[in-house]
N, C-alpha and C. Protein backbone atom coordinates (compact mmCIF):
# COMPACT_ATOMS: atom_id res chain seq x y z
N MET A 1 38.42 59.85 37.95
CA MET A 1 39.38 58.40 36.43
C MET A 1 38.31 57.74 36.05
N ASP A 2 37.65 58.41 35.08
CA ASP A 2 36.73 57.46 33.90
C ASP A 2 37.54 55.89 34.04
N THR A 3 36.21 54.69 34.15
CA THR A 3 36.39 54.08 34.65
C THR A 3 34.56 53.04 34.05
N SER A 4 35.55 51.97 33.09
CA SER A 4 34.40 50.72 33.50
C SER A 4 35.06 49.31 33.37
N SER A 5 34.35 48.63 33.97
CA SER A 5 33.91 47.37 33.92
C SER A 5 34.01 46.29 32.93
N ILE A 6 34.53 45.64 32.79
CA ILE A 6 35.24 44.72 32.33
C ILE A 6 35.31 42.90 32.71
N PRO A 7 34.62 42.37 31.63
CA PRO A 7 35.58 40.57 31.96
C PRO A 7 36.26 40.58 31.80
N SER A 8 37.96 39.32 32.61
CA SER A 8 38.66 39.10 32.03
C SER A 8 38.39 37.84 31.25
N SER A 9 39.79 37.25 30.69
CA SER A 9 39.56 35.52 30.84
C SER A 9 39.34 34.74 31.10
N SER A 10 39.73 35.53 33.24
CA SER A 10 39.91 34.53 33.87
C SER A 10 38.72 34.31 34.31
N GLY A 11 37.77 35.95 34.26
CA GLY A 11 36.55 35.84 35.32
C GLY A 11 36.24 36.97 35.34
N ASN A 12 37.34 37.31 35.96
CA ASN A 12 37.86 38.54 36.83
C ASN A 12 36.81 39.79 36.53
N VAL A 13 37.23 40.73 37.60
CA VAL A 13 36.71 41.64 36.32
C VAL A 13 38.01 43.11 36.40
N GLU A 14 38.49 43.53 35.48
CA GLU A 14 39.37 44.86 34.85
C GLU A 14 38.52 45.88 35.04
N ARG A 15 39.20 46.26 34.75
CA ARG A 15 38.83 48.41 35.12
C ARG A 15 39.77 48.76 34.14
N VAL A 16 38.94 49.44 32.19
CA VAL A 16 39.21 50.24 31.75
C VAL A 16 39.06 52.15 32.05
N ASN A 17 39.93 52.49 31.96
CA ASN A 17 39.98 53.43 31.82
C ASN A 17 39.64 54.35 30.79
N LEU A 18 39.10 54.99 30.53
CA LEU A 18 38.01 55.60 29.36
C LEU A 18 38.76 56.72 29.67
N ASP A 19 39.89 57.55 30.77
CA ASP A 19 39.61 58.57 30.35
C ASP A 19 41.34 58.60 29.06
N VAL A 20 41.80 58.05 29.07
CA VAL A 20 42.75 57.81 27.78
C VAL A 20 41.99 57.96 27.14
N LEU A 21 41.25 57.17 26.10
CA LEU A 21 40.57 56.88 24.70
C LEU A 21 40.01 58.03 24.95
N ASP A 22 39.40 59.12 25.45
CA ASP A 22 38.78 60.44 25.83
C ASP A 22 39.60 61.16 24.99
N GLU A 23 41.08 61.43 25.41
CA GLU A 23 41.85 61.77 24.59
C GLU A 23 42.86 61.32 23.06
N ILE A 24 42.70 60.09 22.93
CA ILE A 24 42.43 60.01 21.87
C ILE A 24 41.04 60.42 20.72
N ILE A 25 40.38 60.47 21.28
CA ILE A 25 39.28 61.10 20.12
C ILE A 25 39.60 62.59 20.66
N ARG A 26 40.32 63.39 21.88
CA ARG A 26 39.77 64.95 21.57
C ARG A 26 41.23 65.63 20.13
N GLN A 27 42.41 64.49 20.45
CA GLN A 27 43.99 64.13 19.45
C GLN A 27 43.43 64.55 18.06
N HIS A 28 42.03 63.38 17.49
CA HIS A 28 42.15 63.44 16.06
C HIS A 28 41.03 64.25 15.89
N GLY A 29 39.82 63.50 16.73
CA GLY A 29 38.19 65.61 16.65
C GLY A 29 37.30 64.46 16.51
N ALA A 30 36.50 64.56 16.35
CA ALA A 30 34.59 63.98 16.26
C ALA A 30 34.46 63.93 14.98
N GLY A 31 34.92 63.70 13.74
CA GLY A 31 34.36 63.15 12.65
C GLY A 31 34.86 61.84 12.10
N SER A 32 33.43 61.86 11.50
CA SER A 32 34.00 59.81 11.05
C SER A 32 34.70 59.92 10.48
N GLY A 33 35.72 60.38 9.85
CA GLY A 33 36.89 59.54 8.89
C GLY A 33 38.12 59.84 9.96
N SER A 34 37.46 59.85 10.93
CA SER A 34 38.63 59.27 12.20
C SER A 34 38.65 58.45 12.99
N LEU A 35 37.70 57.30 12.57
CA LEU A 35 37.52 56.48 13.49
C LEU A 35 38.64 55.75 13.11
N ILE A 36 38.81 54.93 11.62
CA ILE A 36 40.12 53.93 12.53
C ILE A 36 41.24 54.71 12.80
N PRO A 37 42.62 56.00 12.59
CA PRO A 37 42.94 56.77 13.49
C PRO A 37 42.37 56.54 14.74
N ILE A 38 41.78 56.51 15.72
CA ILE A 38 41.18 56.04 16.90
C ILE A 38 40.33 54.77 16.94
N LEU A 39 40.46 54.59 16.64
CA LEU A 39 40.75 52.69 17.19
C LEU A 39 42.08 52.23 16.79
N GLN A 40 43.09 52.98 16.30
CA GLN A 40 43.64 52.22 16.01
C GLN A 40 44.96 52.80 17.16
N LYS A 41 44.74 53.82 17.74
CA LYS A 41 45.22 54.63 18.78
C LYS A 41 44.76 53.73 19.71
N ALA A 42 42.82 54.03 19.90
CA ALA A 42 42.35 53.05 20.67
C ALA A 42 43.08 51.73 21.67
N GLN A 43 43.42 50.92 19.88
CA GLN A 43 43.85 49.22 20.63
C GLN A 43 45.46 48.75 20.92
N ASP A 44 46.09 50.52 20.27
CA ASP A 44 47.72 50.62 20.44
C ASP A 44 46.98 50.89 22.58
N ALA A 45 46.54 51.12 22.71
CA ALA A 45 46.61 51.26 24.23
C ALA A 45 46.06 50.88 25.21
N TYR A 46 44.87 49.75 24.68
CA TYR A 46 44.18 49.07 25.47
C TYR A 46 44.23 47.76 25.38
N GLY A 47 45.91 47.27 24.11
CA GLY A 47 45.90 45.65 23.98
C GLY A 47 45.17 45.55 23.20
N TYR A 48 43.66 46.01 22.89
CA TYR A 48 42.82 45.27 22.09
C TYR A 48 41.62 46.22 22.34
N LEU A 49 40.24 45.55 21.89
CA LEU A 49 39.42 46.76 21.73
C LEU A 49 37.68 46.07 22.73
N PRO A 50 38.11 46.85 23.99
CA PRO A 50 36.95 46.18 25.18
C PRO A 50 35.00 46.85 24.00
N LYS A 51 33.96 46.04 24.77
CA LYS A 51 32.53 47.10 23.94
C LYS A 51 32.83 47.67 24.67
N GLU A 52 33.19 48.32 25.41
CA GLU A 52 32.98 49.62 26.65
C GLU A 52 34.52 50.85 25.67
N VAL A 53 35.47 50.77 25.01
CA VAL A 53 35.78 51.19 24.56
C VAL A 53 34.50 51.64 23.14
N ILE A 54 34.30 50.71 22.10
CA ILE A 54 34.04 50.57 21.25
C ILE A 54 32.51 51.00 21.07
N GLU A 55 31.83 51.13 22.40
CA GLU A 55 30.37 51.83 22.36
C GLU A 55 31.13 53.12 22.45
N ARG A 56 31.42 54.54 23.12
CA ARG A 56 32.54 55.24 23.19
C ARG A 56 32.72 56.00 22.72
N ILE A 57 33.16 54.78 21.50
CA ILE A 57 33.55 56.04 20.27
C ILE A 57 32.18 56.74 19.43
N SER A 58 31.40 54.56 19.51
CA SER A 58 30.71 55.69 19.16
C SER A 58 30.23 56.79 19.40
N ARG A 59 29.69 56.59 20.38
CA ARG A 59 29.28 57.79 21.21
C ARG A 59 29.15 59.50 20.40
N SER A 60 31.03 58.90 21.07
CA SER A 60 31.40 60.55 20.42
C SER A 60 31.83 60.60 18.91
N LEU A 61 31.45 60.02 18.22
CA LEU A 61 31.90 60.31 16.74
C LEU A 61 29.98 60.39 16.83
N LEU A 62 29.66 60.60 16.75
CA LEU A 62 28.01 60.10 16.12
C LEU A 62 27.85 58.96 15.70
N VAL A 63 28.25 58.03 14.96
CA VAL A 63 28.48 56.94 14.27
C VAL A 63 27.96 55.46 14.99
N PRO A 64 26.92 54.98 14.63
CA PRO A 64 26.39 53.32 14.78
C PRO A 64 27.17 52.72 15.36
N SER A 65 27.43 52.18 17.04
CA SER A 65 28.02 51.04 16.90
C SER A 65 28.12 50.01 15.97
N SER A 66 27.38 49.47 15.75
CA SER A 66 27.78 48.45 14.51
C SER A 66 28.37 48.88 13.54
N SER A 67 28.57 50.18 13.15
CA SER A 67 29.52 51.30 11.96
C SER A 67 31.01 50.59 12.62
N VAL A 68 30.50 50.79 13.80
CA VAL A 68 32.36 50.73 14.36
C VAL A 68 33.23 49.37 14.46
N TYR A 69 31.56 48.54 14.60
CA TYR A 69 31.71 46.86 14.61
C TYR A 69 32.06 45.98 13.63
N GLY A 70 31.50 47.07 12.58
CA GLY A 70 31.79 46.75 11.16
C GLY A 70 33.09 46.86 10.63
N VAL A 71 33.61 48.09 11.07
CA VAL A 71 34.95 48.15 10.63
C VAL A 71 36.36 47.66 11.37
N VAL A 72 36.15 47.29 12.65
CA VAL A 72 36.68 46.59 13.63
C VAL A 72 36.46 44.51 13.06
N THR A 73 35.79 44.64 12.56
CA THR A 73 35.58 43.25 12.27
C THR A 73 36.13 42.54 10.10
N PHE A 74 36.00 44.33 10.09
CA PHE A 74 36.57 44.34 8.44
C PHE A 74 37.90 43.88 8.33
N TYR A 75 39.13 44.92 9.04
CA TYR A 75 40.43 45.10 9.05
C TYR A 75 40.83 44.20 10.20
N ALA A 76 42.07 43.02 8.98
CA ALA A 76 42.68 42.28 10.11
C ALA A 76 43.23 42.48 11.23
N GLN A 77 44.49 43.63 11.95
CA GLN A 77 44.22 44.28 12.49
C GLN A 77 43.91 44.53 13.92
N PHE A 78 42.58 44.30 13.51
CA PHE A 78 41.93 44.67 15.01
C PHE A 78 41.83 43.65 15.58
N ARG A 79 41.66 44.17 17.22
CA ARG A 79 41.46 42.74 17.74
C ARG A 79 40.11 43.28 18.64
N LEU A 80 39.74 42.28 18.89
CA LEU A 80 38.09 42.11 19.63
C LEU A 80 38.33 41.44 21.30
N LYS A 81 39.26 40.86 21.13
CA LYS A 81 39.90 39.79 21.71
C LYS A 81 41.40 39.90 22.81
N PRO A 82 41.32 39.89 24.04
CA PRO A 82 42.56 40.19 25.16
C PRO A 82 43.91 39.81 24.08
N VAL A 83 44.93 40.25 23.43
CA VAL A 83 45.91 39.66 22.72
C VAL A 83 47.29 38.86 23.91
N GLY A 84 47.67 37.99 23.89
CA GLY A 84 49.26 37.82 24.49
C GLY A 84 50.89 38.62 24.06
N LYS A 85 51.15 38.75 25.78
CA LYS A 85 52.47 39.90 25.61
C LYS A 85 53.49 39.33 24.29
N HIS A 86 53.02 37.92 24.48
CA HIS A 86 53.82 37.08 23.25
C HIS A 86 52.60 36.41 22.18
N ILE A 87 53.47 36.76 20.65
CA ILE A 87 52.07 36.07 20.11
C ILE A 87 52.95 35.64 18.34
N ILE A 88 52.63 34.08 18.80
CA ILE A 88 53.12 32.90 17.89
C ILE A 88 52.66 32.78 16.53
N ARG A 89 52.98 33.36 15.75
CA ARG A 89 52.51 33.58 14.67
C ARG A 89 53.43 31.65 13.63
N VAL A 90 52.31 30.32 14.12
CA VAL A 90 51.92 29.82 12.78
C VAL A 90 52.11 29.11 11.60
N CYS A 91 52.89 29.81 10.32
CA CYS A 91 52.92 29.50 8.84
C CYS A 91 52.42 28.89 8.60
N HIS A 92 51.24 28.48 7.20
CA HIS A 92 50.18 27.22 6.83
C HIS A 92 50.59 27.71 5.27
N GLY A 93 52.29 28.35 4.80
CA GLY A 93 51.75 28.65 3.63
C GLY A 93 52.30 27.02 2.63
N THR A 94 52.34 26.62 1.42
CA THR A 94 52.55 25.90 1.23
C THR A 94 53.49 25.63 1.58
N ALA A 95 55.03 25.46 1.42
CA ALA A 95 55.89 24.69 2.00
C ALA A 95 56.21 24.87 3.72
N CYS A 96 55.21 24.90 4.16
CA CYS A 96 55.26 24.61 5.66
C CYS A 96 53.72 24.23 5.66
N HIS A 97 53.58 23.88 5.03
CA HIS A 97 51.91 23.12 5.19
C HIS A 97 52.01 21.94 4.69
N VAL A 98 53.51 21.62 3.38
CA VAL A 98 54.30 20.20 2.66
C VAL A 98 54.58 19.68 4.36
N ALA A 99 55.34 20.49 5.56
CA ALA A 99 56.20 20.35 6.19
C ALA A 99 55.31 20.16 7.80
N GLY A 100 54.51 19.79 8.01
CA GLY A 100 54.00 19.46 8.64
C GLY A 100 53.35 21.07 9.03
N ALA A 101 53.17 21.79 9.01
CA ALA A 101 52.14 22.80 9.97
C ALA A 101 51.49 22.12 10.92
N GLU A 102 50.65 21.58 10.79
CA GLU A 102 49.46 21.48 11.34
C GLU A 102 49.52 21.02 12.86
N LYS A 103 50.32 19.86 13.02
CA LYS A 103 51.31 19.08 13.56
C LYS A 103 52.05 20.91 14.51
N ILE A 104 52.54 21.28 13.89
CA ILE A 104 53.83 22.67 14.66
C ILE A 104 51.99 23.56 15.96
N THR A 105 51.19 24.01 15.52
CA THR A 105 50.44 24.24 15.72
C THR A 105 49.29 23.60 17.09
N GLU A 106 49.14 21.99 16.60
CA GLU A 106 48.89 21.09 18.06
C GLU A 106 49.75 21.39 18.92
N ALA A 107 51.35 21.21 18.17
CA ALA A 107 51.95 21.36 19.68
C ALA A 107 52.17 22.61 20.03
N PHE A 108 51.94 23.49 19.52
CA PHE A 108 51.98 24.37 20.50
C PHE A 108 51.10 24.90 21.63
N ALA A 109 49.60 24.60 20.38
CA ALA A 109 48.10 24.57 21.20
C ALA A 109 48.72 23.03 22.28
N ARG A 110 48.75 22.16 22.65
CA ARG A 110 48.94 21.38 23.51
C ARG A 110 49.82 21.44 24.58
N ASP A 111 51.14 22.69 24.22
CA ASP A 111 51.63 23.15 25.22
C ASP A 111 50.82 24.32 25.95
N LEU A 112 50.49 25.01 24.91
CA LEU A 112 50.16 25.89 25.71
C LEU A 112 48.34 25.26 26.25
N GLN A 113 47.73 25.46 25.95
CA GLN A 113 45.87 24.48 26.45
C GLN A 113 45.24 25.84 26.11
N VAL A 114 45.18 26.08 25.00
CA VAL A 114 45.12 26.92 24.05
C VAL A 114 44.54 26.24 22.72
N ALA A 115 43.59 27.32 22.34
CA ALA A 115 42.88 26.05 20.65
C ALA A 115 44.06 28.03 19.57
N ASP A 116 44.47 27.21 18.35
CA ASP A 116 44.19 28.52 17.60
C ASP A 116 43.29 30.02 17.25
N GLY A 117 43.53 30.53 17.90
CA GLY A 117 42.91 32.07 17.61
C GLY A 117 42.87 32.25 18.98
N GLU A 118 43.13 31.30 20.30
CA GLU A 118 43.21 31.91 21.33
C GLU A 118 44.88 32.31 22.23
N THR A 119 44.40 32.90 23.87
CA THR A 119 45.12 33.32 23.86
C THR A 119 45.11 32.74 25.53
N THR A 120 46.32 32.58 26.08
CA THR A 120 46.50 31.76 27.15
C THR A 120 45.90 32.53 27.99
N ALA A 121 45.15 31.99 29.23
CA ALA A 121 45.16 32.05 30.87
C ALA A 121 45.81 33.53 30.85
N ASP A 122 47.31 33.31 30.96
CA ASP A 122 48.34 33.95 31.87
C ASP A 122 47.94 35.57 31.04
N ARG A 123 47.72 35.54 29.42
CA ARG A 123 47.85 35.90 28.72
C ARG A 123 49.59 36.30 28.20
N LEU A 124 50.14 35.98 28.52
CA LEU A 124 51.59 35.58 28.00
C LEU A 124 51.70 34.79 26.18
N PHE A 125 50.61 34.42 25.74
CA PHE A 125 50.84 34.01 25.07
C PHE A 125 49.49 33.62 23.87
N THR A 126 49.44 34.65 22.71
CA THR A 126 48.47 34.39 21.76
C THR A 126 49.27 33.20 20.78
N LEU A 127 48.26 32.13 19.94
CA LEU A 127 48.34 31.75 18.91
C LEU A 127 47.68 32.07 18.00
N GLU A 128 48.36 31.60 16.99
CA GLU A 128 48.12 32.14 15.46
C GLU A 128 48.43 31.32 14.65
N SER A 129 47.87 30.85 13.76
CA SER A 129 47.59 30.23 11.79
C SER A 129 47.60 31.45 11.17
N VAL A 130 49.36 31.89 10.07
CA VAL A 130 48.89 32.67 9.51
C VAL A 130 49.38 31.99 7.94
N ALA A 131 49.41 32.47 6.35
CA ALA A 131 49.16 31.98 5.47
C ALA A 131 51.00 31.67 5.26
N CYS A 132 51.33 32.97 5.72
CA CYS A 132 53.53 33.24 4.88
C CYS A 132 53.71 33.31 6.22
N VAL A 133 55.05 33.54 5.68
CA VAL A 133 56.12 34.11 7.05
C VAL A 133 56.14 34.41 6.24
N GLY A 134 57.16 33.87 4.96
CA GLY A 134 58.03 33.90 3.39
C GLY A 134 59.82 33.64 4.34
N CYS A 135 59.21 32.23 5.01
CA CYS A 135 61.17 31.88 5.32
C CYS A 135 60.89 30.32 4.73
N CYS A 136 59.93 29.68 3.71
CA CYS A 136 59.35 28.19 2.97
C CYS A 136 60.80 27.75 3.61
N SER A 137 62.42 28.12 3.21
CA SER A 137 63.48 27.13 3.52
C SER A 137 63.65 26.73 4.71
N LEU A 138 62.80 27.28 5.54
CA LEU A 138 63.09 27.30 6.59
C LEU A 138 62.34 25.59 7.47
N ALA A 139 60.81 25.95 6.07
CA ALA A 139 59.59 25.00 7.05
C ALA A 139 60.02 23.84 7.52
N PRO A 140 58.95 24.05 8.41
CA PRO A 140 57.84 24.37 9.32
C PRO A 140 58.96 25.74 9.86
N VAL A 141 57.60 26.86 10.16
CA VAL A 141 57.88 28.01 10.70
C VAL A 141 57.24 27.89 11.60
N ALA A 142 57.39 28.81 12.81
CA ALA A 142 57.21 29.40 13.99
C ALA A 142 57.52 30.94 13.56
N MET A 143 56.93 32.09 14.46
CA MET A 143 57.10 33.61 15.19
C MET A 143 56.45 33.66 15.53
N ILE A 144 57.36 34.26 16.37
CA ILE A 144 56.95 34.98 18.00
C ILE A 144 58.11 36.13 17.93
N ASP A 145 57.06 36.87 18.07
CA ASP A 145 57.94 38.53 18.01
C ASP A 145 58.57 39.18 17.56
N GLY A 146 58.18 38.65 15.68
CA GLY A 146 59.01 38.90 15.28
C GLY A 146 60.56 38.13 14.71
N GLU A 147 60.77 37.41 16.01
CA GLU A 147 62.32 36.22 15.41
C GLU A 147 61.87 34.83 15.73
N THR A 148 61.99 33.80 14.13
CA THR A 148 61.69 33.18 13.11
C THR A 148 62.60 31.67 13.66
N PHE A 149 62.29 30.53 14.53
CA PHE A 149 61.93 29.65 14.32
C PHE A 149 62.25 28.66 13.17
N GLY A 150 62.61 27.75 12.21
CA GLY A 150 62.40 27.37 11.56
C GLY A 150 62.95 25.62 11.95
N ARG A 151 62.96 24.83 10.73
CA ARG A 151 62.39 23.45 10.36
C ARG A 151 61.51 22.67 12.46
N LEU A 152 60.65 23.92 13.19
CA LEU A 152 60.35 23.18 13.53
C LEU A 152 59.78 22.33 13.81
N ASP A 153 59.40 20.71 15.06
CA ASP A 153 59.24 19.67 15.51
C ASP A 153 58.61 19.54 17.02
N GLY A 154 57.68 18.52 17.62
CA GLY A 154 56.93 19.45 18.94
C GLY A 154 58.32 19.54 19.35
N ARG A 155 58.68 18.45 19.56
CA ARG A 155 60.31 19.14 20.90
C ARG A 155 60.45 20.39 20.35
N GLY A 156 60.45 20.85 19.24
CA GLY A 156 61.90 22.70 19.24
C GLY A 156 59.85 23.38 19.46
N VAL A 157 58.85 23.08 19.91
CA VAL A 157 57.79 23.56 19.73
C VAL A 157 58.41 24.16 21.24
N SER A 158 57.79 22.99 22.30
CA SER A 158 58.58 22.28 23.96
C SER A 158 59.62 23.73 23.98
N LYS A 159 60.48 23.10 23.41
CA LYS A 159 61.92 24.04 24.30
C LYS A 159 61.57 25.80 23.97
N VAL A 160 61.00 25.54 23.05
CA VAL A 160 60.60 27.56 22.97
C VAL A 160 59.32 27.87 23.07
N ILE A 161 57.98 27.37 23.62
CA ILE A 161 57.71 27.33 24.74
C ILE A 161 58.30 27.65 26.37
N LYS A 162 59.85 27.41 26.60
CA LYS A 162 60.01 26.88 27.84
C LYS A 162 61.08 28.00 27.91
N ARG A 163 61.75 28.02 27.17
CA ARG A 163 62.31 29.48 27.33
C ARG A 163 62.16 30.62 27.12
N TYR A 164 60.96 31.40 26.26
CA TYR A 164 60.45 31.98 26.66
C TYR A 164 59.49 32.18 28.32
N ARG A 165 59.24 31.13 28.83
CA ARG A 165 58.48 31.47 30.07
C ARG A 165 59.78 31.34 31.30
N ARG A 166 61.04 30.89 31.11
CA ARG A 166 61.81 30.37 31.28
C ARG A 166 62.24 32.39 31.49
N GLN A 167 62.64 32.90 30.84
CA GLN A 167 63.08 34.17 30.39
C GLN A 167 61.84 35.60 31.21
N GLU A 168 60.48 35.16 31.18
CA GLU A 168 59.06 35.63 31.60
C GLU A 168 59.85 36.25 33.25
N ARG A 169 59.52 34.51 34.41
CA ARG A 169 60.09 34.53 35.59
C ARG A 169 60.80 35.47 36.01
N LYS A 170 62.45 35.61 34.82
CA LYS A 170 63.40 35.93 35.06
C LYS A 170 63.34 37.93 34.87
N ASP A 171 62.19 38.19 34.53
CA ASP A 171 61.81 39.62 34.63
C ASP A 171 60.90 39.92 34.71
């Protein structure tokens, strides 16, 4: 098995099985037109795009790693850091902003002990501010894995986090 070591957010070393990536590349071919589909499949497989994955893609497709990074950083769908099992998206559209979205983001950040855009050390949650989730009548709103939580306040944020943590302990 071809593996590479990468440091995790906790400082431990994780192994990346590059055989998975090699199979993805074989399925899509080595043409430069395959870059985005390969990046998408690789991210599906690894949850994000580790440095070693980007370097292997670069070598396999004969595309400079700077060009691969350029594509990865241009498209919002790609991630260079691991994300949590549950992605919390706090709406910061106009209605939510006026209704206190910043305080909701701060409450999530405080409860999770992460900054906006970061993932908890246990990789259970990633906190993201987004432009709009389309639920203006429920402002302020957060979505977790597609489930909408409206008219949030600090206590509501704490309840939501506790609910997800309880569920994780059951699983």
